[in-house]
Amino acid sequence: MNPKKLAAEKAVEFIEDGMVVGLGTGSTAYWAIQKIAQRINEGLRIRAVASSRDSEELANKLGIPIVPFSEIEFIDITIDGADEVDTHFNLIKGGGGALVREKILAINSKRFFVIVDESKRVEHLGQFPLPVEIVHFAVNLTINKLKELGCNTRIRMRNDKEYITDNGNIIVDCTFEKIVEPIELNKQINLIPGVVDNGLFTRMVSSLIVGYNDGNVMIFDQP
C-alpha cells in the first residue's frame, strides 16, 4: 500500500470536466499526474499547466493536454506534494527544485490540494532544510544575509555540479531546525536582494490529503 499514491488518487477525484488543472512536481505529484491521465482516457476533459519541465514532459507523454499560461486567467485546482506540513497547514516545499513555479501555480489556484503521507506532518517546520532559490550574481553575499536569519546553508548539488532550476538559478538549502513563525520568516527571506523566492508556503492550502500506511486516507480542510 503506497500512502502517497492513495492521497494523490483521492485528490484527483475533485477534478471535474472543463477545469484548468495545475500539475505539481515530485514523487507524490507523479501519482496524481498518472491518475489524471487515466481519467482523461476514461473521458475527462481538462486543460493543464505544469510547475516544472519534468511534470510537463510526463503529462505530454501520458496524453494530458498542456496549454500555455497565456491561454488561462486562473487555475481551478492545483494538486501538489510537500516536504513538511505543520499543524497550521504551512508547508516547506522545493525538495524537487520547482518551488518558484509551484508557488506561482498555488497562489493562482481557486483550490490548492496538498497530498502527503503521514510522515510529512510535523508540529513545527524546519527539520527538512528550507530551499531558497537565488540568482547567481554575488551568491556569497546573498548567502551571508540568509545566515543572519539563523540558519546553516548549503548550495544544492547534483552530480557534483550546482543544481540549476528551470529558471536558471541555484538553490540554497537552509537548515533552521525549528521554524516557529513561518509567515514572518517567509517575508524576511524574500526581502533579501538576490532571493527569487523560498519554499515556505503559508496560508495557501485549501485541503490537505494524507495517506496512511494502513491504507486510510484523510482529508483536512483549511479552517
N, C-alpha and C. Protein backbone atom coordinates (compact mmCIF):
# COMPACT_ATOMS: atom_id res chain seq x y z
N MET A 1 0.85 -1.20 0.00
CA MET A 1 0.00 0.00 0.00
C MET A 1 0.89 1.25 0.00
N ASN A 2 0.76 2.08 -1.04
CA ASN A 2 1.57 3.29 -1.16
C ASN A 2 0.74 4.49 -0.69
N PRO A 3 1.05 5.06 0.50
CA PRO A 3 0.22 6.15 1.01
C PRO A 3 0.24 7.40 0.14
N LYS A 4 1.37 7.67 -0.51
CA LYS A 4 1.43 8.82 -1.43
C LYS A 4 0.45 8.64 -2.59
N LYS A 5 0.45 7.43 -3.14
CA LYS A 5 -0.43 7.13 -4.28
C LYS A 5 -1.89 7.24 -3.85
N LEU A 6 -2.21 6.74 -2.66
CA LEU A 6 -3.58 6.82 -2.15
C LEU A 6 -4.04 8.26 -2.02
N ALA A 7 -3.19 9.10 -1.45
CA ALA A 7 -3.54 10.52 -1.27
C ALA A 7 -3.70 11.22 -2.61
N ALA A 8 -2.81 10.92 -3.54
CA ALA A 8 -2.86 11.55 -4.86
C ALA A 8 -4.15 11.19 -5.59
N GLU A 9 -4.51 9.90 -5.54
CA GLU A 9 -5.70 9.45 -6.27
C GLU A 9 -6.97 10.02 -5.65
N LYS A 10 -6.98 10.22 -4.34
CA LYS A 10 -8.12 10.86 -3.69
C LYS A 10 -8.27 12.30 -4.16
N ALA A 11 -7.17 13.02 -4.26
CA ALA A 11 -7.21 14.42 -4.70
C ALA A 11 -7.75 14.56 -6.12
N VAL A 12 -7.38 13.62 -6.98
CA VAL A 12 -7.79 13.68 -8.39
C VAL A 12 -9.31 13.51 -8.53
N GLU A 13 -9.96 12.90 -7.53
CA GLU A 13 -11.42 12.76 -7.56
C GLU A 13 -12.13 14.12 -7.60
N PHE A 14 -11.46 15.18 -7.15
CA PHE A 14 -12.08 16.50 -7.09
C PHE A 14 -12.01 17.25 -8.43
N ILE A 15 -11.32 16.70 -9.40
CA ILE A 15 -11.22 17.33 -10.72
C ILE A 15 -12.48 17.04 -11.52
N GLU A 16 -13.04 18.10 -12.14
CA GLU A 16 -14.26 17.97 -12.92
C GLU A 16 -14.03 18.41 -14.36
N ASP A 17 -14.93 17.99 -15.22
CA ASP A 17 -14.87 18.38 -16.63
C ASP A 17 -14.74 19.89 -16.79
N GLY A 18 -13.88 20.31 -17.72
CA GLY A 18 -13.76 21.72 -18.07
C GLY A 18 -12.79 22.50 -17.20
N MET A 19 -12.23 21.86 -16.17
CA MET A 19 -11.33 22.58 -15.27
C MET A 19 -9.96 22.83 -15.89
N VAL A 20 -9.31 23.89 -15.38
CA VAL A 20 -7.89 24.11 -15.61
C VAL A 20 -7.17 23.56 -14.38
N VAL A 21 -6.25 22.63 -14.61
CA VAL A 21 -5.62 21.90 -13.52
C VAL A 21 -4.12 22.18 -13.48
N GLY A 22 -3.62 22.53 -12.28
CA GLY A 22 -2.19 22.73 -12.09
C GLY A 22 -1.54 21.44 -11.65
N LEU A 23 -0.47 21.06 -12.34
CA LEU A 23 0.24 19.82 -12.04
C LEU A 23 1.48 20.13 -11.21
N GLY A 24 1.57 19.50 -10.06
CA GLY A 24 2.72 19.70 -9.18
C GLY A 24 3.94 18.96 -9.67
N THR A 25 4.97 18.94 -8.82
CA THR A 25 6.25 18.32 -9.16
C THR A 25 6.70 17.45 -8.00
N GLY A 26 7.32 16.31 -8.32
CA GLY A 26 7.88 15.47 -7.27
C GLY A 26 7.25 14.10 -7.22
N SER A 27 7.69 13.31 -6.24
CA SER A 27 7.32 11.90 -6.19
C SER A 27 5.85 11.68 -5.88
N THR A 28 5.22 12.59 -5.13
CA THR A 28 3.79 12.44 -4.83
C THR A 28 2.94 12.97 -5.98
N ALA A 29 3.33 14.12 -6.52
CA ALA A 29 2.60 14.68 -7.66
C ALA A 29 2.62 13.73 -8.86
N TYR A 30 3.68 12.96 -8.96
CA TYR A 30 3.79 11.96 -10.04
C TYR A 30 2.56 11.06 -10.08
N TRP A 31 2.13 10.61 -8.88
CA TRP A 31 0.97 9.71 -8.83
C TRP A 31 -0.32 10.42 -9.22
N ALA A 32 -0.42 11.70 -8.89
CA ALA A 32 -1.59 12.47 -9.31
C ALA A 32 -1.64 12.60 -10.83
N ILE A 33 -0.50 12.87 -11.43
CA ILE A 33 -0.44 13.01 -12.89
C ILE A 33 -0.83 11.69 -13.57
N GLN A 34 -0.35 10.59 -13.01
CA GLN A 34 -0.72 9.27 -13.57
C GLN A 34 -2.23 9.05 -13.50
N LYS A 35 -2.84 9.41 -12.37
CA LYS A 35 -4.29 9.21 -12.21
C LYS A 35 -5.09 10.15 -13.11
N ILE A 36 -4.62 11.39 -13.27
CA ILE A 36 -5.29 12.33 -14.17
C ILE A 36 -5.29 11.77 -15.59
N ALA A 37 -4.16 11.22 -16.00
CA ALA A 37 -4.07 10.63 -17.35
C ALA A 37 -5.07 9.49 -17.51
N GLN A 38 -5.20 8.68 -16.46
CA GLN A 38 -6.17 7.58 -16.51
C GLN A 38 -7.59 8.11 -16.67
N ARG A 39 -7.92 9.16 -15.93
CA ARG A 39 -9.27 9.73 -16.02
C ARG A 39 -9.52 10.37 -17.39
N ILE A 40 -8.48 10.96 -17.98
CA ILE A 40 -8.62 11.52 -19.34
C ILE A 40 -8.91 10.40 -20.34
N ASN A 41 -8.25 9.28 -20.17
CA ASN A 41 -8.51 8.13 -21.05
C ASN A 41 -9.93 7.62 -20.89
N GLU A 42 -10.53 7.88 -19.72
CA GLU A 42 -11.91 7.46 -19.45
C GLU A 42 -12.92 8.53 -19.86
N GLY A 43 -12.43 9.68 -20.38
CA GLY A 43 -13.34 10.69 -20.91
C GLY A 43 -13.28 12.06 -20.26
N LEU A 44 -12.50 12.23 -19.19
CA LEU A 44 -12.39 13.55 -18.54
C LEU A 44 -11.78 14.56 -19.51
N ARG A 45 -12.35 15.77 -19.54
CA ARG A 45 -11.85 16.83 -20.41
C ARG A 45 -11.35 17.99 -19.56
N ILE A 46 -10.07 18.23 -19.60
CA ILE A 46 -9.47 19.34 -18.84
C ILE A 46 -8.38 20.00 -19.69
N ARG A 47 -7.91 21.13 -19.18
CA ARG A 47 -6.66 21.73 -19.67
C ARG A 47 -5.72 21.79 -18.48
N ALA A 48 -4.43 21.63 -18.72
CA ALA A 48 -3.48 21.58 -17.61
C ALA A 48 -2.30 22.51 -17.85
N VAL A 49 -1.72 22.97 -16.73
CA VAL A 49 -0.46 23.69 -16.74
C VAL A 49 0.47 22.98 -15.75
N ALA A 50 1.76 23.05 -16.01
CA ALA A 50 2.71 22.29 -15.20
C ALA A 50 3.67 23.21 -14.47
N SER A 51 4.12 22.74 -13.29
CA SER A 51 5.02 23.55 -12.46
C SER A 51 6.50 23.27 -12.72
N SER A 52 6.79 22.37 -13.66
CA SER A 52 8.19 22.08 -13.98
C SER A 52 8.27 21.43 -15.36
N ARG A 53 9.46 21.44 -15.91
CA ARG A 53 9.67 20.75 -17.19
C ARG A 53 9.44 19.26 -17.06
N ASP A 54 9.86 18.70 -15.92
CA ASP A 54 9.69 17.26 -15.72
C ASP A 54 8.21 16.88 -15.73
N SER A 55 7.38 17.66 -15.02
CA SER A 55 5.96 17.35 -14.98
C SER A 55 5.30 17.58 -16.33
N GLU A 56 5.75 18.60 -17.05
CA GLU A 56 5.20 18.85 -18.38
C GLU A 56 5.54 17.70 -19.33
N GLU A 57 6.78 17.23 -19.26
CA GLU A 57 7.18 16.11 -20.12
C GLU A 57 6.38 14.85 -19.80
N LEU A 58 6.17 14.59 -18.51
CA LEU A 58 5.39 13.42 -18.11
C LEU A 58 3.95 13.55 -18.61
N ALA A 59 3.37 14.74 -18.45
CA ALA A 59 1.99 14.97 -18.89
C ALA A 59 1.86 14.77 -20.40
N ASN A 60 2.80 15.32 -21.16
CA ASN A 60 2.76 15.16 -22.61
C ASN A 60 2.86 13.69 -23.00
N LYS A 61 3.72 12.97 -22.32
CA LYS A 61 3.91 11.55 -22.59
C LYS A 61 2.64 10.75 -22.33
N LEU A 62 1.87 11.19 -21.31
CA LEU A 62 0.67 10.45 -20.91
C LEU A 62 -0.61 10.96 -21.60
N GLY A 63 -0.47 12.00 -22.44
CA GLY A 63 -1.63 12.49 -23.18
C GLY A 63 -2.47 13.51 -22.45
N ILE A 64 -1.91 14.15 -21.42
CA ILE A 64 -2.63 15.23 -20.72
C ILE A 64 -2.42 16.52 -21.51
N PRO A 65 -3.50 17.23 -21.88
CA PRO A 65 -3.35 18.43 -22.70
C PRO A 65 -2.79 19.61 -21.91
N ILE A 66 -1.53 19.97 -22.20
CA ILE A 66 -0.87 21.11 -21.57
C ILE A 66 -1.12 22.35 -22.43
N VAL A 67 -1.54 23.44 -21.79
CA VAL A 67 -1.79 24.68 -22.53
C VAL A 67 -0.82 25.76 -22.05
N PRO A 68 -0.52 26.76 -22.90
CA PRO A 68 0.34 27.87 -22.47
C PRO A 68 -0.35 28.70 -21.38
N PHE A 69 0.44 29.28 -20.50
CA PHE A 69 -0.13 30.12 -19.44
C PHE A 69 -0.85 31.33 -20.02
N SER A 70 -0.46 31.75 -21.21
CA SER A 70 -1.11 32.90 -21.85
C SER A 70 -2.57 32.62 -22.19
N GLU A 71 -2.97 31.35 -22.19
CA GLU A 71 -4.35 30.99 -22.54
C GLU A 71 -5.28 30.91 -21.33
N ILE A 72 -4.74 31.08 -20.12
CA ILE A 72 -5.58 30.95 -18.93
C ILE A 72 -5.52 32.21 -18.07
N GLU A 73 -6.58 32.42 -17.30
CA GLU A 73 -6.65 33.56 -16.38
C GLU A 73 -6.48 33.10 -14.93
N PHE A 74 -6.81 31.86 -14.66
CA PHE A 74 -6.70 31.30 -13.31
C PHE A 74 -6.63 29.79 -13.43
N ILE A 75 -6.38 29.13 -12.30
CA ILE A 75 -6.32 27.68 -12.23
C ILE A 75 -7.42 27.23 -11.27
N ASP A 76 -8.23 26.26 -11.68
CA ASP A 76 -9.31 25.78 -10.81
C ASP A 76 -8.77 25.02 -9.62
N ILE A 77 -7.85 24.11 -9.88
CA ILE A 77 -7.32 23.26 -8.81
C ILE A 77 -5.88 22.87 -9.13
N THR A 78 -5.01 23.02 -8.15
CA THR A 78 -3.63 22.52 -8.26
C THR A 78 -3.44 21.43 -7.23
N ILE A 79 -2.81 20.35 -7.65
CA ILE A 79 -2.51 19.23 -6.76
C ILE A 79 -1.00 19.06 -6.69
N ASP A 80 -0.45 19.11 -5.47
CA ASP A 80 1.00 19.05 -5.32
C ASP A 80 1.34 18.42 -3.97
N GLY A 81 2.56 17.98 -3.85
CA GLY A 81 3.04 17.39 -2.60
C GLY A 81 3.68 18.45 -1.72
N ALA A 82 4.30 18.00 -0.62
CA ALA A 82 5.02 18.89 0.29
C ALA A 82 6.08 18.07 1.02
N ASP A 83 7.12 18.76 1.45
CA ASP A 83 8.19 18.10 2.21
C ASP A 83 7.90 18.09 3.70
N GLU A 84 7.18 19.10 4.17
CA GLU A 84 6.70 19.16 5.55
C GLU A 84 5.40 19.95 5.59
N VAL A 85 4.50 19.58 6.51
CA VAL A 85 3.26 20.32 6.75
C VAL A 85 3.12 20.48 8.26
N ASP A 86 2.94 21.74 8.73
CA ASP A 86 2.77 21.93 10.17
C ASP A 86 1.29 21.90 10.57
N THR A 87 1.01 22.12 11.84
CA THR A 87 -0.36 22.00 12.35
C THR A 87 -1.28 23.10 11.83
N HIS A 88 -0.70 24.18 11.27
CA HIS A 88 -1.50 25.28 10.70
C HIS A 88 -1.54 25.24 9.18
N PHE A 89 -1.14 24.11 8.59
CA PHE A 89 -1.14 23.90 7.13
C PHE A 89 -0.10 24.76 6.41
N ASN A 90 0.91 25.26 7.13
CA ASN A 90 2.05 25.87 6.46
C ASN A 90 2.95 24.76 5.93
N LEU A 91 3.61 25.02 4.82
CA LEU A 91 4.40 23.98 4.15
C LEU A 91 5.85 24.39 3.97
N ILE A 92 6.72 23.38 3.90
CA ILE A 92 8.01 23.52 3.22
C ILE A 92 7.91 22.70 1.95
N LYS A 93 8.21 23.35 0.81
CA LYS A 93 8.25 22.71 -0.49
C LYS A 93 9.55 23.08 -1.18
N GLY A 94 9.86 22.33 -2.23
CA GLY A 94 11.04 22.65 -3.01
C GLY A 94 12.12 21.59 -2.99
N GLY A 95 11.83 20.44 -2.35
CA GLY A 95 12.79 19.35 -2.38
C GLY A 95 13.08 18.89 -3.80
N GLY A 96 12.08 19.05 -4.66
CA GLY A 96 12.24 18.69 -6.07
C GLY A 96 12.79 19.82 -6.93
N GLY A 97 12.99 21.00 -6.32
CA GLY A 97 13.64 22.11 -7.03
C GLY A 97 12.74 23.04 -7.80
N ALA A 98 11.40 22.85 -7.71
CA ALA A 98 10.48 23.66 -8.53
C ALA A 98 9.69 24.66 -7.71
N LEU A 99 10.23 25.10 -6.57
CA LEU A 99 9.43 25.87 -5.61
C LEU A 99 8.85 27.16 -6.16
N VAL A 100 9.59 27.89 -6.99
CA VAL A 100 9.08 29.17 -7.50
C VAL A 100 7.87 28.95 -8.40
N ARG A 101 7.99 28.02 -9.32
CA ARG A 101 6.87 27.75 -10.24
C ARG A 101 5.69 27.12 -9.50
N GLU A 102 6.01 26.26 -8.51
CA GLU A 102 4.94 25.66 -7.71
C GLU A 102 4.17 26.73 -6.95
N LYS A 103 4.88 27.74 -6.44
CA LYS A 103 4.21 28.79 -5.67
C LYS A 103 3.35 29.67 -6.58
N ILE A 104 3.82 29.90 -7.79
CA ILE A 104 3.02 30.69 -8.75
C ILE A 104 1.70 29.97 -9.05
N LEU A 105 1.78 28.67 -9.26
CA LEU A 105 0.55 27.90 -9.51
C LEU A 105 -0.36 27.93 -8.29
N ALA A 106 0.21 27.71 -7.11
CA ALA A 106 -0.60 27.63 -5.90
C ALA A 106 -1.36 28.93 -5.63
N ILE A 107 -0.68 30.06 -5.76
CA ILE A 107 -1.29 31.34 -5.41
C ILE A 107 -2.35 31.75 -6.43
N ASN A 108 -2.30 31.17 -7.63
CA ASN A 108 -3.27 31.50 -8.68
C ASN A 108 -4.35 30.43 -8.83
N SER A 109 -4.46 29.54 -7.84
CA SER A 109 -5.44 28.47 -7.89
C SER A 109 -6.62 28.76 -6.97
N LYS A 110 -7.82 28.47 -7.46
CA LYS A 110 -9.01 28.59 -6.62
C LYS A 110 -8.93 27.62 -5.45
N ARG A 111 -8.40 26.42 -5.71
CA ARG A 111 -8.24 25.42 -4.66
C ARG A 111 -6.85 24.78 -4.81
N PHE A 112 -6.15 24.70 -3.70
CA PHE A 112 -4.80 24.13 -3.68
C PHE A 112 -4.81 22.91 -2.77
N PHE A 113 -4.75 21.74 -3.40
CA PHE A 113 -4.76 20.47 -2.66
C PHE A 113 -3.32 20.00 -2.45
N VAL A 114 -2.98 19.75 -1.20
CA VAL A 114 -1.65 19.24 -0.88
C VAL A 114 -1.78 17.78 -0.45
N ILE A 115 -0.99 16.93 -1.08
CA ILE A 115 -1.07 15.49 -0.85
C ILE A 115 0.25 15.01 -0.23
N VAL A 116 0.13 14.30 0.89
CA VAL A 116 1.33 13.83 1.61
C VAL A 116 1.05 12.46 2.23
N ASP A 117 2.12 11.78 2.63
CA ASP A 117 1.95 10.63 3.51
C ASP A 117 2.11 11.12 4.95
N GLU A 118 1.76 10.29 5.88
CA GLU A 118 1.68 10.73 7.28
C GLU A 118 3.02 11.20 7.85
N SER A 119 4.13 10.76 7.26
CA SER A 119 5.45 11.14 7.78
C SER A 119 5.77 12.62 7.58
N LYS A 120 5.03 13.29 6.69
CA LYS A 120 5.33 14.69 6.37
C LYS A 120 4.68 15.67 7.35
N ARG A 121 3.81 15.17 8.23
CA ARG A 121 3.13 16.05 9.18
C ARG A 121 4.01 16.28 10.41
N VAL A 122 4.23 17.55 10.76
CA VAL A 122 5.10 17.92 11.87
C VAL A 122 4.43 19.01 12.70
N GLU A 123 4.90 19.17 13.93
CA GLU A 123 4.37 20.25 14.76
C GLU A 123 4.93 21.60 14.32
N HIS A 124 6.25 21.63 14.09
CA HIS A 124 6.91 22.84 13.61
C HIS A 124 7.73 22.50 12.37
N LEU A 125 7.71 23.37 11.37
CA LEU A 125 8.55 23.21 10.19
C LEU A 125 10.02 23.38 10.57
N GLY A 126 10.90 22.82 9.74
CA GLY A 126 12.32 23.13 9.90
C GLY A 126 13.26 21.95 9.92
N GLN A 127 12.78 20.75 10.26
CA GLN A 127 13.66 19.59 10.20
C GLN A 127 14.12 19.35 8.76
N PHE A 128 13.21 19.55 7.82
CA PHE A 128 13.57 19.48 6.40
C PHE A 128 14.20 20.82 6.01
N PRO A 129 15.38 20.83 5.41
CA PRO A 129 16.01 22.10 5.03
C PRO A 129 15.12 22.93 4.11
N LEU A 130 15.06 24.22 4.36
CA LEU A 130 14.21 25.12 3.58
C LEU A 130 14.94 25.55 2.31
N PRO A 131 14.39 25.22 1.13
CA PRO A 131 15.03 25.63 -0.12
C PRO A 131 14.78 27.11 -0.41
N VAL A 132 15.83 27.80 -0.81
CA VAL A 132 15.73 29.20 -1.22
C VAL A 132 16.38 29.33 -2.59
N GLU A 133 15.61 29.78 -3.56
CA GLU A 133 16.15 29.97 -4.91
C GLU A 133 16.75 31.36 -5.01
N ILE A 134 18.02 31.43 -5.44
CA ILE A 134 18.71 32.72 -5.54
C ILE A 134 19.38 32.84 -6.91
N VAL A 135 19.63 34.09 -7.32
CA VAL A 135 20.32 34.33 -8.59
C VAL A 135 21.82 34.11 -8.42
N HIS A 136 22.52 33.90 -9.53
CA HIS A 136 23.95 33.62 -9.47
C HIS A 136 24.79 34.81 -9.02
N PHE A 137 24.33 36.00 -9.30
CA PHE A 137 25.14 37.19 -9.04
C PHE A 137 25.42 37.34 -7.54
N ALA A 138 26.69 37.46 -7.18
CA ALA A 138 27.11 37.71 -5.79
C ALA A 138 26.49 36.72 -4.81
N VAL A 139 26.58 35.45 -5.17
CA VAL A 139 25.97 34.38 -4.38
C VAL A 139 26.39 34.45 -2.91
N ASN A 140 27.69 34.66 -2.67
CA ASN A 140 28.18 34.64 -1.29
C ASN A 140 27.55 35.73 -0.43
N LEU A 141 27.25 36.88 -1.04
CA LEU A 141 26.64 37.97 -0.28
C LEU A 141 25.20 37.64 0.09
N THR A 142 24.48 37.04 -0.84
CA THR A 142 23.10 36.64 -0.55
C THR A 142 23.07 35.56 0.53
N ILE A 143 23.99 34.62 0.44
CA ILE A 143 24.05 33.55 1.44
C ILE A 143 24.39 34.12 2.82
N ASN A 144 25.27 35.12 2.87
CA ASN A 144 25.60 35.74 4.17
C ASN A 144 24.36 36.35 4.82
N LYS A 145 23.51 36.96 4.00
CA LYS A 145 22.27 37.55 4.54
C LYS A 145 21.31 36.46 5.04
N LEU A 146 21.27 35.33 4.33
CA LEU A 146 20.44 34.22 4.78
C LEU A 146 20.94 33.70 6.13
N LYS A 147 22.24 33.59 6.29
CA LYS A 147 22.82 33.09 7.54
C LYS A 147 22.48 34.01 8.72
N GLU A 148 22.33 35.30 8.44
CA GLU A 148 21.98 36.25 9.51
C GLU A 148 20.61 35.93 10.12
N LEU A 149 19.79 35.16 9.40
CA LEU A 149 18.47 34.78 9.91
C LEU A 149 18.55 33.56 10.83
N GLY A 150 19.75 33.01 11.00
CA GLY A 150 19.93 31.93 11.98
C GLY A 150 19.94 30.53 11.42
N CYS A 151 20.36 30.37 10.18
CA CYS A 151 20.36 29.03 9.58
C CYS A 151 21.76 28.64 9.13
N ASN A 152 21.95 27.34 8.94
CA ASN A 152 23.11 26.82 8.23
C ASN A 152 22.73 26.65 6.77
N THR A 153 23.66 26.93 5.87
CA THR A 153 23.33 26.93 4.44
C THR A 153 24.22 25.96 3.66
N ARG A 154 23.64 25.47 2.58
CA ARG A 154 24.37 24.58 1.68
C ARG A 154 23.83 24.77 0.28
N ILE A 155 24.70 25.03 -0.67
CA ILE A 155 24.28 25.12 -2.06
C ILE A 155 23.94 23.72 -2.57
N ARG A 156 22.76 23.58 -3.14
CA ARG A 156 22.33 22.26 -3.62
C ARG A 156 23.17 21.82 -4.81
N MET A 157 23.61 20.56 -4.75
CA MET A 157 24.43 19.99 -5.82
C MET A 157 23.71 18.80 -6.44
N ARG A 158 24.03 18.53 -7.68
CA ARG A 158 23.57 17.30 -8.35
C ARG A 158 24.67 16.83 -9.28
N ASN A 159 25.09 15.59 -9.11
CA ASN A 159 26.18 15.03 -9.92
C ASN A 159 27.43 15.90 -9.86
N ASP A 160 27.76 16.34 -8.64
CA ASP A 160 28.97 17.14 -8.37
C ASP A 160 28.95 18.51 -9.04
N LYS A 161 27.79 18.97 -9.47
CA LYS A 161 27.65 20.31 -10.03
C LYS A 161 26.52 21.04 -9.31
N GLU A 162 26.56 22.37 -9.35
CA GLU A 162 25.46 23.14 -8.78
C GLU A 162 24.15 22.75 -9.46
N TYR A 163 23.12 22.49 -8.65
CA TYR A 163 21.80 22.21 -9.20
C TYR A 163 21.24 23.50 -9.79
N ILE A 164 20.79 23.45 -11.02
CA ILE A 164 20.23 24.62 -11.69
C ILE A 164 18.73 24.42 -11.87
N THR A 165 17.94 25.39 -11.43
CA THR A 165 16.49 25.29 -11.54
C THR A 165 16.04 25.52 -12.98
N ASP A 166 14.75 25.25 -13.23
CA ASP A 166 14.18 25.52 -14.55
C ASP A 166 14.27 27.00 -14.90
N ASN A 167 14.42 27.85 -13.88
CA ASN A 167 14.53 29.30 -14.11
C ASN A 167 15.98 29.74 -14.30
N GLY A 168 16.92 28.81 -14.25
CA GLY A 168 18.33 29.14 -14.45
C GLY A 168 19.05 29.64 -13.21
N ASN A 169 18.45 29.42 -12.04
CA ASN A 169 19.04 29.88 -10.78
C ASN A 169 19.58 28.72 -9.97
N ILE A 170 20.15 29.01 -8.79
CA ILE A 170 20.62 27.97 -7.90
C ILE A 170 19.75 27.93 -6.65
N ILE A 171 19.86 26.82 -5.90
CA ILE A 171 19.09 26.67 -4.67
C ILE A 171 20.05 26.55 -3.49
N VAL A 172 19.76 27.32 -2.45
CA VAL A 172 20.47 27.20 -1.19
C VAL A 172 19.52 26.51 -0.21
N ASP A 173 19.94 25.37 0.34
CA ASP A 173 19.13 24.68 1.34
C ASP A 173 19.53 25.19 2.72
N CYS A 174 18.55 25.75 3.44
CA CYS A 174 18.80 26.43 4.71
C CYS A 174 18.22 25.61 5.86
N THR A 175 19.07 25.21 6.79
CA THR A 175 18.62 24.41 7.93
C THR A 175 18.39 25.31 9.14
N PHE A 176 17.12 25.45 9.52
CA PHE A 176 16.74 26.24 10.69
C PHE A 176 16.44 25.34 11.90
N GLU A 177 16.14 24.08 11.65
CA GLU A 177 15.77 23.07 12.66
C GLU A 177 14.36 23.29 13.22
N LYS A 178 14.01 24.53 13.56
CA LYS A 178 12.66 24.78 14.06
C LYS A 178 12.21 26.17 13.60
N ILE A 179 11.15 26.20 12.80
CA ILE A 179 10.61 27.47 12.30
C ILE A 179 9.31 27.72 13.04
N VAL A 180 9.35 28.66 13.97
CA VAL A 180 8.18 28.92 14.83
C VAL A 180 7.22 29.90 14.17
N GLU A 181 7.76 30.85 13.40
CA GLU A 181 6.93 31.87 12.74
C GLU A 181 7.18 31.86 11.24
N PRO A 182 6.61 30.89 10.52
CA PRO A 182 6.89 30.76 9.08
C PRO A 182 6.43 31.95 8.25
N ILE A 183 5.34 32.59 8.64
CA ILE A 183 4.84 33.74 7.86
C ILE A 183 5.86 34.88 7.90
N GLU A 184 6.40 35.15 9.09
CA GLU A 184 7.38 36.22 9.24
C GLU A 184 8.69 35.86 8.55
N LEU A 185 9.12 34.61 8.70
CA LEU A 185 10.38 34.19 8.06
C LEU A 185 10.28 34.26 6.55
N ASN A 186 9.13 33.89 6.01
CA ASN A 186 8.91 33.99 4.57
C ASN A 186 9.12 35.42 4.08
N LYS A 187 8.58 36.38 4.82
CA LYS A 187 8.75 37.80 4.46
C LYS A 187 10.22 38.22 4.55
N GLN A 188 10.88 37.82 5.64
CA GLN A 188 12.27 38.23 5.84
C GLN A 188 13.19 37.70 4.74
N ILE A 189 12.98 36.45 4.36
CA ILE A 189 13.83 35.86 3.31
C ILE A 189 13.60 36.56 1.98
N ASN A 190 12.33 36.79 1.65
CA ASN A 190 12.03 37.36 0.34
C ASN A 190 12.37 38.84 0.22
N LEU A 191 12.71 39.49 1.34
CA LEU A 191 13.18 40.88 1.29
C LEU A 191 14.68 40.97 0.99
N ILE A 192 15.39 39.84 1.00
CA ILE A 192 16.83 39.86 0.73
C ILE A 192 17.06 39.98 -0.78
N PRO A 193 17.75 41.03 -1.24
CA PRO A 193 18.07 41.13 -2.67
C PRO A 193 18.91 39.92 -3.10
N GLY A 194 18.54 39.36 -4.24
CA GLY A 194 19.21 38.15 -4.72
C GLY A 194 18.36 36.91 -4.55
N VAL A 195 17.40 36.98 -3.62
CA VAL A 195 16.47 35.86 -3.43
C VAL A 195 15.33 35.98 -4.44
N VAL A 196 15.05 34.89 -5.14
CA VAL A 196 13.90 34.86 -6.05
C VAL A 196 12.64 34.52 -5.26
N ASP A 197 12.70 33.45 -4.48
CA ASP A 197 11.61 33.05 -3.59
C ASP A 197 12.12 31.90 -2.74
N ASN A 198 11.29 31.49 -1.78
CA ASN A 198 11.69 30.39 -0.90
C ASN A 198 10.56 29.38 -0.78
N GLY A 199 10.87 28.25 -0.15
CA GLY A 199 9.94 27.13 -0.10
C GLY A 199 8.92 27.15 1.01
N LEU A 200 8.76 28.28 1.71
CA LEU A 200 7.69 28.40 2.69
C LEU A 200 6.39 28.78 1.99
N PHE A 201 5.39 27.92 2.10
CA PHE A 201 4.06 28.18 1.53
C PHE A 201 3.14 28.42 2.72
N THR A 202 2.76 29.66 2.95
CA THR A 202 1.94 30.00 4.12
C THR A 202 0.56 30.48 3.68
N ARG A 203 -0.46 30.01 4.38
CA ARG A 203 -1.85 30.42 4.12
C ARG A 203 -2.28 30.19 2.67
N MET A 204 -1.88 29.10 2.10
CA MET A 204 -2.22 28.80 0.71
C MET A 204 -3.07 27.56 0.55
N VAL A 205 -2.98 26.62 1.49
CA VAL A 205 -3.58 25.30 1.32
C VAL A 205 -5.10 25.36 1.51
N SER A 206 -5.84 24.81 0.55
CA SER A 206 -7.29 24.66 0.70
C SER A 206 -7.61 23.38 1.48
N SER A 207 -7.01 22.28 1.04
CA SER A 207 -7.25 20.99 1.69
C SER A 207 -5.95 20.18 1.71
N LEU A 208 -5.76 19.50 2.83
CA LEU A 208 -4.63 18.60 3.00
C LEU A 208 -5.15 17.17 2.94
N ILE A 209 -4.57 16.36 2.07
CA ILE A 209 -4.99 14.96 1.94
C ILE A 209 -3.81 14.09 2.35
N VAL A 210 -4.05 13.28 3.39
CA VAL A 210 -2.98 12.49 3.99
C VAL A 210 -3.24 11.00 3.76
N GLY A 211 -2.25 10.33 3.19
CA GLY A 211 -2.32 8.88 3.05
C GLY A 211 -1.57 8.21 4.19
N TYR A 212 -2.15 7.15 4.71
CA TYR A 212 -1.57 6.44 5.86
C TYR A 212 -1.12 5.04 5.45
N ASN A 213 -0.14 4.52 6.18
CA ASN A 213 0.42 3.20 5.86
C ASN A 213 -0.61 2.08 6.01
N ASP A 214 -1.66 2.32 6.79
CA ASP A 214 -2.69 1.28 6.96
C ASP A 214 -3.73 1.29 5.85
N GLY A 215 -3.53 2.19 4.85
CA GLY A 215 -4.46 2.23 3.72
C GLY A 215 -5.54 3.29 3.82
N ASN A 216 -5.63 3.97 4.97
CA ASN A 216 -6.62 5.03 5.13
C ASN A 216 -6.16 6.32 4.45
N VAL A 217 -7.13 7.15 4.09
CA VAL A 217 -6.87 8.49 3.55
C VAL A 217 -7.77 9.46 4.29
N MET A 218 -7.19 10.55 4.77
CA MET A 218 -7.95 11.56 5.49
C MET A 218 -7.84 12.90 4.77
N ILE A 219 -8.95 13.64 4.73
CA ILE A 219 -8.97 14.98 4.13
C ILE A 219 -9.18 15.99 5.25
N PHE A 220 -8.26 16.96 5.32
CA PHE A 220 -8.36 18.02 6.30
C PHE A 220 -8.51 19.35 5.56
N ASP A 221 -9.65 20.02 5.74
CA ASP A 221 -9.88 21.30 5.08
C ASP A 221 -9.33 22.44 5.94
N GLN A 222 -8.79 23.43 5.27
CA GLN A 222 -8.26 24.61 5.97
C GLN A 222 -9.39 25.29 6.73
N PRO A 223 -9.23 25.53 8.03
CA PRO A 223 -10.30 26.18 8.81
C PRO A 223 -10.64 27.56 8.25
